[in-house]
Each structure stands twice: as C-alpha cells, then as structure tokens.
C-alpha cells in the first residue's frame, strides 16, 4: 500500500516487543549533536533516533495531516512577508522612498506574521514530540 510519500508500513502494534537491534556508527561530534537534540526534545537517544527513522520511512510521521495544513498556511504567510519586504527593498534600491506609513505597515504586519508563525511552530513541534514520547 502506498501513501503520499511512499509505501505505508504499519507501526508497531501495542504489546509487540522491540526485539530487533540496529547498530549505527557515528563520529563523536555526530553523537554529541544527536544526544543534545534528544535531550532538547526530552527524549532518549534511542527513542529520538527511532522517531526520526520511522518518520523518514513514512511509518509514523512527526507531523499529522492537521499539522501539515497549518504549516502550509504559515508558509503562505511567510512568503507574503518576503514579497512585502522585497517591494520595500526594491523601491529603496531604486533611490525611491516608499511612504513611511507603508514601511511601518509592512514591518508591523511582518512582525505579527512572524510571531504567529513562531507560536504555531512551537505548539506543533511540542505536540509532535509529545505524541512520539507517549508512543515510545
């Protein structure tokens, strides 16, 4: 069976023991980075690596479909910020000066959109990590 990004593989059934071990080699700096990221996510290194591996395999995505829909809206809003800032920059590079109220409005809207995007990203990242910690 195939999903949007590749084959759909069923996740571990409840009560199914994890009896297989996979060995991987990392440099000291790679392992330090992985350990730091796992600690920041409040996960064990094993759980963190399992989470990323299963996400990459399409078994258990980090973001749900709802998360992805919200992220698409945020991406659209962030693109709008870039377009607005480009317009102001282009006018300034031509030697012109947009009216102060346009610059102020662009900056204010940009600040609000970026703040909203950060709040949503933090919320969704936290929810995703909590989902994976509960299952692991």
N, C-alpha and C. Protein backbone atom coordinates (compact mmCIF):
# COMPACT_ATOMS: atom_id res chain seq x y z
N UNK A 1 0.84 -1.18 0.00
CA UNK A 1 0.00 0.00 0.00
C UNK A 1 0.89 1.24 0.00
N UNK A 2 0.52 2.25 -0.78
CA UNK A 2 1.35 3.45 -0.92
C UNK A 2 0.61 4.66 -0.40
N UNK A 3 1.34 5.53 0.30
CA UNK A 3 0.81 6.80 0.79
C UNK A 3 1.32 7.92 -0.09
N UNK A 4 1.17 9.15 0.38
CA UNK A 4 1.61 10.33 -0.38
C UNK A 4 3.11 10.34 -0.63
N UNK A 5 3.89 9.83 0.31
CA UNK A 5 5.34 9.94 0.20
C UNK A 5 6.04 8.61 0.00
N UNK A 6 5.30 7.53 -0.17
CA UNK A 6 5.93 6.24 -0.36
C UNK A 6 5.11 5.12 0.25
N UNK A 7 5.73 3.96 0.46
CA UNK A 7 4.98 2.83 0.99
C UNK A 7 4.51 3.09 2.42
N UNK A 8 3.30 2.66 2.71
CA UNK A 8 2.77 2.78 4.06
C UNK A 8 3.08 1.49 4.79
N UNK A 9 3.83 1.62 5.87
CA UNK A 9 4.22 0.46 6.67
C UNK A 9 3.53 0.59 8.01
N UNK A 10 2.87 -0.47 8.47
CA UNK A 10 2.17 -0.35 9.75
C UNK A 10 3.15 -0.11 10.90
N UNK A 11 2.73 0.71 11.83
CA UNK A 11 3.53 0.98 13.03
C UNK A 11 3.49 -0.24 13.94
N UNK A 12 4.35 -0.24 14.92
CA UNK A 12 4.42 -1.34 15.89
C UNK A 12 3.06 -1.49 16.58
N UNK A 13 2.58 -2.71 16.63
CA UNK A 13 1.33 -2.98 17.33
C UNK A 13 1.57 -2.90 18.83
N UNK A 14 0.55 -2.48 19.57
CA UNK A 14 0.66 -2.44 21.03
C UNK A 14 1.04 -3.80 21.57
N UNK A 15 1.97 -3.80 22.48
CA UNK A 15 2.40 -5.04 23.09
C UNK A 15 3.43 -5.81 22.28
N UNK A 16 3.64 -5.40 21.04
CA UNK A 16 4.65 -6.08 20.21
C UNK A 16 6.03 -5.70 20.74
N UNK A 17 6.82 -6.69 21.12
CA UNK A 17 8.13 -6.36 21.69
C UNK A 17 9.09 -5.83 20.63
N UNK A 18 9.96 -4.98 21.07
CA UNK A 18 11.02 -4.49 20.19
C UNK A 18 12.23 -5.39 20.44
N UNK A 19 12.36 -6.41 19.63
CA UNK A 19 13.43 -7.37 19.88
C UNK A 19 14.56 -7.27 18.88
N UNK A 20 14.44 -6.40 17.90
CA UNK A 20 15.50 -6.24 16.91
C UNK A 20 16.35 -5.04 17.28
N UNK A 21 17.64 -5.16 17.10
CA UNK A 21 18.58 -4.09 17.41
C UNK A 21 19.31 -3.71 16.13
N UNK A 22 19.42 -2.43 15.89
CA UNK A 22 20.14 -1.93 14.72
C UNK A 22 21.35 -1.15 15.24
N UNK A 23 22.49 -1.45 14.68
CA UNK A 23 23.71 -0.76 15.09
C UNK A 23 24.04 0.30 14.04
N UNK A 24 24.44 1.45 14.49
CA UNK A 24 24.85 2.53 13.59
C UNK A 24 26.12 3.16 14.13
N UNK A 25 26.96 3.62 13.24
CA UNK A 25 28.21 4.25 13.66
C UNK A 25 28.08 5.76 13.48
N UNK A 26 28.53 6.49 14.51
CA UNK A 26 28.54 7.95 14.48
C UNK A 26 29.89 8.43 14.95
N UNK A 27 30.29 9.59 14.44
CA UNK A 27 31.51 10.21 14.97
C UNK A 27 31.16 10.79 16.33
N UNK A 28 32.17 11.17 17.09
CA UNK A 28 31.92 11.75 18.42
C UNK A 28 31.09 13.02 18.30
N UNK A 29 31.39 13.85 17.31
CA UNK A 29 30.64 15.11 17.16
C UNK A 29 29.20 14.84 16.71
N UNK A 30 28.99 13.84 15.85
CA UNK A 30 27.63 13.49 15.43
C UNK A 30 26.82 12.99 16.61
N UNK A 31 27.42 12.11 17.41
CA UNK A 31 26.70 11.57 18.57
C UNK A 31 26.39 12.68 19.58
N UNK A 32 27.32 13.61 19.75
CA UNK A 32 27.08 14.73 20.66
C UNK A 32 25.89 15.56 20.17
N UNK A 33 25.82 15.80 18.87
CA UNK A 33 24.70 16.58 18.31
C UNK A 33 23.39 15.83 18.48
N UNK A 34 23.41 14.51 18.25
CA UNK A 34 22.20 13.70 18.41
C UNK A 34 21.75 13.69 19.86
N UNK A 35 22.68 13.51 20.77
CA UNK A 35 22.37 13.49 22.21
C UNK A 35 21.79 14.82 22.64
N UNK A 36 22.37 15.90 22.18
CA UNK A 36 21.87 17.24 22.51
C UNK A 36 20.44 17.44 21.98
N UNK A 37 20.20 17.03 20.75
CA UNK A 37 18.87 17.17 20.16
C UNK A 37 17.85 16.31 20.90
N UNK A 38 18.24 15.10 21.26
CA UNK A 38 17.33 14.21 22.00
C UNK A 38 17.00 14.80 23.36
N UNK A 39 18.00 15.35 24.03
CA UNK A 39 17.77 15.97 25.34
C UNK A 39 16.84 17.17 25.21
N UNK A 40 17.05 17.98 24.17
CA UNK A 40 16.20 19.15 23.94
C UNK A 40 14.75 18.75 23.67
N UNK A 41 14.56 17.59 23.05
CA UNK A 41 13.22 17.08 22.76
C UNK A 41 12.64 16.27 23.93
N UNK A 42 13.41 16.18 25.03
CA UNK A 42 13.01 15.42 26.21
C UNK A 42 12.76 13.96 25.85
N UNK A 43 13.69 13.41 25.06
CA UNK A 43 13.58 12.02 24.63
C UNK A 43 14.91 11.32 24.88
N UNK A 44 14.86 10.00 24.93
CA UNK A 44 16.10 9.23 25.00
C UNK A 44 16.73 9.26 23.61
N UNK A 45 18.02 8.97 23.53
CA UNK A 45 18.68 8.91 22.23
C UNK A 45 18.03 7.81 21.39
N UNK A 46 17.76 6.67 22.00
CA UNK A 46 17.13 5.56 21.28
C UNK A 46 15.76 5.97 20.73
N UNK A 47 14.93 6.56 21.59
CA UNK A 47 13.60 7.00 21.15
C UNK A 47 13.67 8.07 20.09
N UNK A 48 14.63 8.99 20.23
CA UNK A 48 14.82 10.06 19.26
C UNK A 48 15.19 9.50 17.89
N UNK A 49 16.17 8.61 17.87
CA UNK A 49 16.60 8.00 16.60
C UNK A 49 15.47 7.16 15.99
N UNK A 50 14.76 6.41 16.84
CA UNK A 50 13.64 5.61 16.34
C UNK A 50 12.58 6.51 15.72
N UNK A 51 12.27 7.61 16.39
CA UNK A 51 11.27 8.56 15.90
C UNK A 51 11.65 9.10 14.53
N UNK A 52 12.90 9.55 14.39
CA UNK A 52 13.35 10.11 13.12
C UNK A 52 13.39 9.05 12.02
N UNK A 53 13.81 7.84 12.38
CA UNK A 53 13.89 6.77 11.40
C UNK A 53 12.51 6.38 10.91
N UNK A 54 11.57 6.23 11.83
CA UNK A 54 10.21 5.85 11.44
C UNK A 54 9.52 6.96 10.65
N UNK A 55 9.83 8.21 10.99
CA UNK A 55 9.29 9.32 10.21
C UNK A 55 9.83 9.27 8.79
N UNK A 56 11.14 9.07 8.66
CA UNK A 56 11.76 9.00 7.35
C UNK A 56 11.23 7.85 6.51
N UNK A 57 10.86 6.77 7.16
CA UNK A 57 10.32 5.60 6.46
C UNK A 57 8.83 5.75 6.16
N UNK A 58 8.22 6.81 6.65
CA UNK A 58 6.80 7.03 6.41
C UNK A 58 5.90 6.21 7.30
N UNK A 59 6.48 5.60 8.34
CA UNK A 59 5.68 4.76 9.23
C UNK A 59 4.88 5.62 10.21
N UNK A 60 5.55 6.59 10.80
CA UNK A 60 4.89 7.42 11.80
C UNK A 60 5.40 8.85 11.65
N UNK A 61 4.76 9.62 10.79
CA UNK A 61 5.22 10.98 10.54
C UNK A 61 5.20 11.83 11.81
N UNK A 62 6.18 12.72 11.91
CA UNK A 62 6.27 13.62 13.06
C UNK A 62 5.08 14.58 13.07
N UNK A 63 4.71 15.07 11.88
CA UNK A 63 3.58 15.99 11.78
C UNK A 63 2.36 15.24 11.25
N UNK A 64 1.20 15.50 11.86
CA UNK A 64 -0.04 14.90 11.39
C UNK A 64 -0.52 15.69 10.16
N UNK A 65 -1.59 15.22 9.54
CA UNK A 65 -2.16 15.95 8.39
C UNK A 65 -2.62 17.34 8.81
N UNK A 66 -3.20 17.46 10.02
CA UNK A 66 -3.62 18.77 10.52
C UNK A 66 -2.41 19.69 10.70
N UNK A 67 -1.32 19.13 11.25
CA UNK A 67 -0.09 19.92 11.43
C UNK A 67 0.39 20.43 10.08
N UNK A 68 0.39 19.55 9.09
CA UNK A 68 0.88 19.93 7.76
C UNK A 68 0.00 21.02 7.14
N UNK A 69 -1.30 20.96 7.37
CA UNK A 69 -2.20 22.00 6.85
C UNK A 69 -1.88 23.35 7.47
N UNK A 70 -1.65 23.37 8.77
CA UNK A 70 -1.29 24.62 9.45
C UNK A 70 0.05 25.13 8.92
N UNK A 71 1.00 24.23 8.74
CA UNK A 71 2.31 24.63 8.23
C UNK A 71 2.21 25.22 6.83
N UNK A 72 1.33 24.69 5.99
CA UNK A 72 1.13 25.25 4.64
C UNK A 72 0.63 26.69 4.73
N UNK A 73 -0.30 26.95 5.64
CA UNK A 73 -0.81 28.32 5.83
C UNK A 73 0.33 29.23 6.29
N UNK A 74 1.15 28.74 7.23
CA UNK A 74 2.27 29.54 7.71
C UNK A 74 3.27 29.83 6.59
N UNK A 75 3.54 28.85 5.76
CA UNK A 75 4.45 29.05 4.64
C UNK A 75 3.90 30.12 3.70
N UNK A 76 2.62 30.07 3.44
CA UNK A 76 1.98 31.08 2.58
C UNK A 76 2.15 32.47 3.19
N UNK A 77 1.91 32.58 4.50
CA UNK A 77 2.03 33.87 5.18
C UNK A 77 3.48 34.38 5.17
N UNK A 78 4.42 33.48 5.37
CA UNK A 78 5.83 33.88 5.38
C UNK A 78 6.27 34.33 3.99
N UNK A 79 5.76 33.68 2.95
CA UNK A 79 6.06 34.13 1.58
C UNK A 79 5.53 35.55 1.37
N UNK A 80 4.35 35.82 1.91
CA UNK A 80 3.77 37.16 1.78
C UNK A 80 4.68 38.20 2.44
N UNK A 81 5.26 37.84 3.57
CA UNK A 81 6.21 38.74 4.25
C UNK A 81 7.38 39.02 3.32
N UNK A 82 7.93 37.99 2.72
CA UNK A 82 9.06 38.15 1.81
C UNK A 82 8.72 39.05 0.63
N UNK A 83 7.54 38.88 0.09
CA UNK A 83 7.11 39.71 -1.05
C UNK A 83 7.01 41.17 -0.62
N UNK A 84 6.39 41.41 0.53
CA UNK A 84 6.26 42.79 1.02
C UNK A 84 7.63 43.43 1.27
N UNK A 85 8.51 42.69 1.91
CA UNK A 85 9.84 43.24 2.19
C UNK A 85 10.62 43.45 0.90
N UNK A 86 10.45 42.58 -0.08
CA UNK A 86 11.10 42.76 -1.38
C UNK A 86 10.63 44.04 -2.05
N UNK A 87 9.34 44.31 -1.97
CA UNK A 87 8.80 45.52 -2.59
C UNK A 87 9.39 46.77 -1.96
N UNK A 88 9.49 46.78 -0.65
CA UNK A 88 10.09 47.93 0.05
C UNK A 88 11.57 48.04 -0.34
N UNK A 89 12.29 46.93 -0.33
CA UNK A 89 13.71 46.93 -0.68
C UNK A 89 13.95 47.38 -2.11
N UNK A 90 13.12 46.92 -3.04
CA UNK A 90 13.26 47.31 -4.45
C UNK A 90 13.09 48.82 -4.61
N UNK A 91 12.11 49.37 -3.93
CA UNK A 91 11.87 50.82 -4.01
C UNK A 91 13.06 51.59 -3.43
N UNK A 92 13.59 51.11 -2.32
CA UNK A 92 14.75 51.77 -1.71
C UNK A 92 15.98 51.66 -2.62
N UNK A 93 16.16 50.52 -3.28
CA UNK A 93 17.31 50.34 -4.17
C UNK A 93 17.22 51.21 -5.41
N UNK A 94 16.02 51.56 -5.82
CA UNK A 94 15.84 52.45 -6.97
C UNK A 94 16.10 53.90 -6.60
N UNK A 95 16.37 54.13 -5.34
CA UNK A 95 16.58 55.51 -4.89
C UNK A 95 15.30 56.17 -4.43
N UNK A 96 14.22 55.44 -4.53
CA UNK A 96 12.95 55.99 -4.07
C UNK A 96 12.77 55.74 -2.59
N UNK A 97 11.73 56.25 -2.09
CA UNK A 97 11.42 56.03 -0.68
C UNK A 97 9.92 55.83 -0.57
N UNK A 98 9.52 54.62 -0.22
CA UNK A 98 8.08 54.42 -0.01
C UNK A 98 7.62 55.30 1.14
N UNK A 99 6.36 55.67 1.14
CA UNK A 99 5.85 56.47 2.25
C UNK A 99 6.11 55.77 3.59
N UNK A 100 6.42 56.55 4.61
CA UNK A 100 6.72 55.99 5.93
C UNK A 100 5.62 55.07 6.43
N UNK A 101 4.37 55.44 6.17
CA UNK A 101 3.28 54.60 6.67
C UNK A 101 3.29 53.23 5.99
N UNK A 102 3.71 53.13 4.72
CA UNK A 102 3.80 51.83 4.05
C UNK A 102 4.92 50.98 4.65
N UNK A 103 6.06 51.62 4.95
CA UNK A 103 7.17 50.89 5.57
C UNK A 103 6.75 50.40 6.94
N UNK A 104 6.14 51.30 7.71
CA UNK A 104 5.71 50.94 9.06
C UNK A 104 4.67 49.82 9.02
N UNK A 105 3.72 49.92 8.10
CA UNK A 105 2.67 48.89 7.99
C UNK A 105 3.28 47.55 7.58
N UNK A 106 4.20 47.57 6.63
CA UNK A 106 4.85 46.33 6.19
C UNK A 106 5.62 45.70 7.34
N UNK A 107 6.34 46.50 8.08
CA UNK A 107 7.11 45.97 9.21
C UNK A 107 6.19 45.42 10.29
N UNK A 108 5.10 46.12 10.58
CA UNK A 108 4.17 45.67 11.61
C UNK A 108 3.51 44.36 11.22
N UNK A 109 3.02 44.28 9.98
CA UNK A 109 2.39 43.05 9.51
C UNK A 109 3.41 41.91 9.50
N UNK A 110 4.64 42.20 9.08
CA UNK A 110 5.69 41.19 9.06
C UNK A 110 5.96 40.67 10.46
N UNK A 111 6.06 41.58 11.40
CA UNK A 111 6.32 41.20 12.79
C UNK A 111 5.19 40.33 13.33
N UNK A 112 3.96 40.70 13.04
CA UNK A 112 2.81 39.93 13.53
C UNK A 112 2.78 38.53 12.91
N UNK A 113 3.04 38.44 11.60
CA UNK A 113 3.02 37.15 10.94
C UNK A 113 4.14 36.25 11.43
N UNK A 114 5.32 36.83 11.63
CA UNK A 114 6.44 36.03 12.12
C UNK A 114 6.16 35.54 13.54
N UNK A 115 5.60 36.40 14.38
CA UNK A 115 5.26 36.00 15.75
C UNK A 115 4.22 34.87 15.74
N UNK A 116 3.20 35.01 14.90
CA UNK A 116 2.17 33.97 14.81
C UNK A 116 2.77 32.66 14.30
N UNK A 117 3.66 32.76 13.31
CA UNK A 117 4.30 31.56 12.77
C UNK A 117 5.13 30.86 13.84
N UNK A 118 5.89 31.62 14.61
CA UNK A 118 6.71 31.03 15.66
C UNK A 118 5.87 30.35 16.73
N UNK A 119 4.79 30.99 17.12
CA UNK A 119 3.89 30.40 18.12
C UNK A 119 3.33 29.08 17.61
N UNK A 120 2.86 29.07 16.37
CA UNK A 120 2.30 27.84 15.80
C UNK A 120 3.36 26.75 15.66
N UNK A 121 4.54 27.14 15.20
CA UNK A 121 5.61 26.14 15.04
C UNK A 121 6.00 25.54 16.39
N UNK A 122 6.11 26.37 17.40
CA UNK A 122 6.44 25.85 18.73
C UNK A 122 5.36 24.91 19.24
N UNK A 123 4.10 25.29 19.05
CA UNK A 123 2.99 24.47 19.51
C UNK A 123 2.97 23.13 18.79
N UNK A 124 3.13 23.16 17.48
CA UNK A 124 3.08 21.91 16.71
C UNK A 124 4.30 21.04 16.97
N UNK A 125 5.46 21.66 17.12
CA UNK A 125 6.66 20.87 17.43
C UNK A 125 6.51 20.21 18.78
N UNK A 126 5.96 20.93 19.74
CA UNK A 126 5.76 20.38 21.07
C UNK A 126 4.76 19.23 21.03
N UNK A 127 3.67 19.42 20.31
CA UNK A 127 2.66 18.36 20.21
C UNK A 127 3.22 17.13 19.52
N UNK A 128 4.02 17.34 18.46
CA UNK A 128 4.61 16.21 17.75
C UNK A 128 5.54 15.44 18.65
N UNK A 129 6.38 16.13 19.40
CA UNK A 129 7.31 15.46 20.31
C UNK A 129 6.54 14.72 21.40
N UNK A 130 5.47 15.32 21.91
CA UNK A 130 4.68 14.65 22.95
C UNK A 130 4.02 13.39 22.41
N UNK A 131 3.53 13.44 21.16
CA UNK A 131 2.92 12.24 20.56
C UNK A 131 3.93 11.11 20.49
N UNK A 132 5.17 11.44 20.11
CA UNK A 132 6.19 10.40 19.97
C UNK A 132 6.66 9.89 21.33
N UNK A 133 6.73 10.76 22.31
CA UNK A 133 7.13 10.29 23.65
C UNK A 133 6.07 9.37 24.23
N UNK A 134 4.80 9.67 24.01
CA UNK A 134 3.73 8.82 24.54
C UNK A 134 3.78 7.43 23.93
N UNK A 135 4.06 7.34 22.63
CA UNK A 135 4.04 6.05 21.96
C UNK A 135 5.29 5.26 22.29
N UNK A 136 6.45 5.94 22.42
CA UNK A 136 7.70 5.23 22.71
C UNK A 136 7.65 4.76 24.12
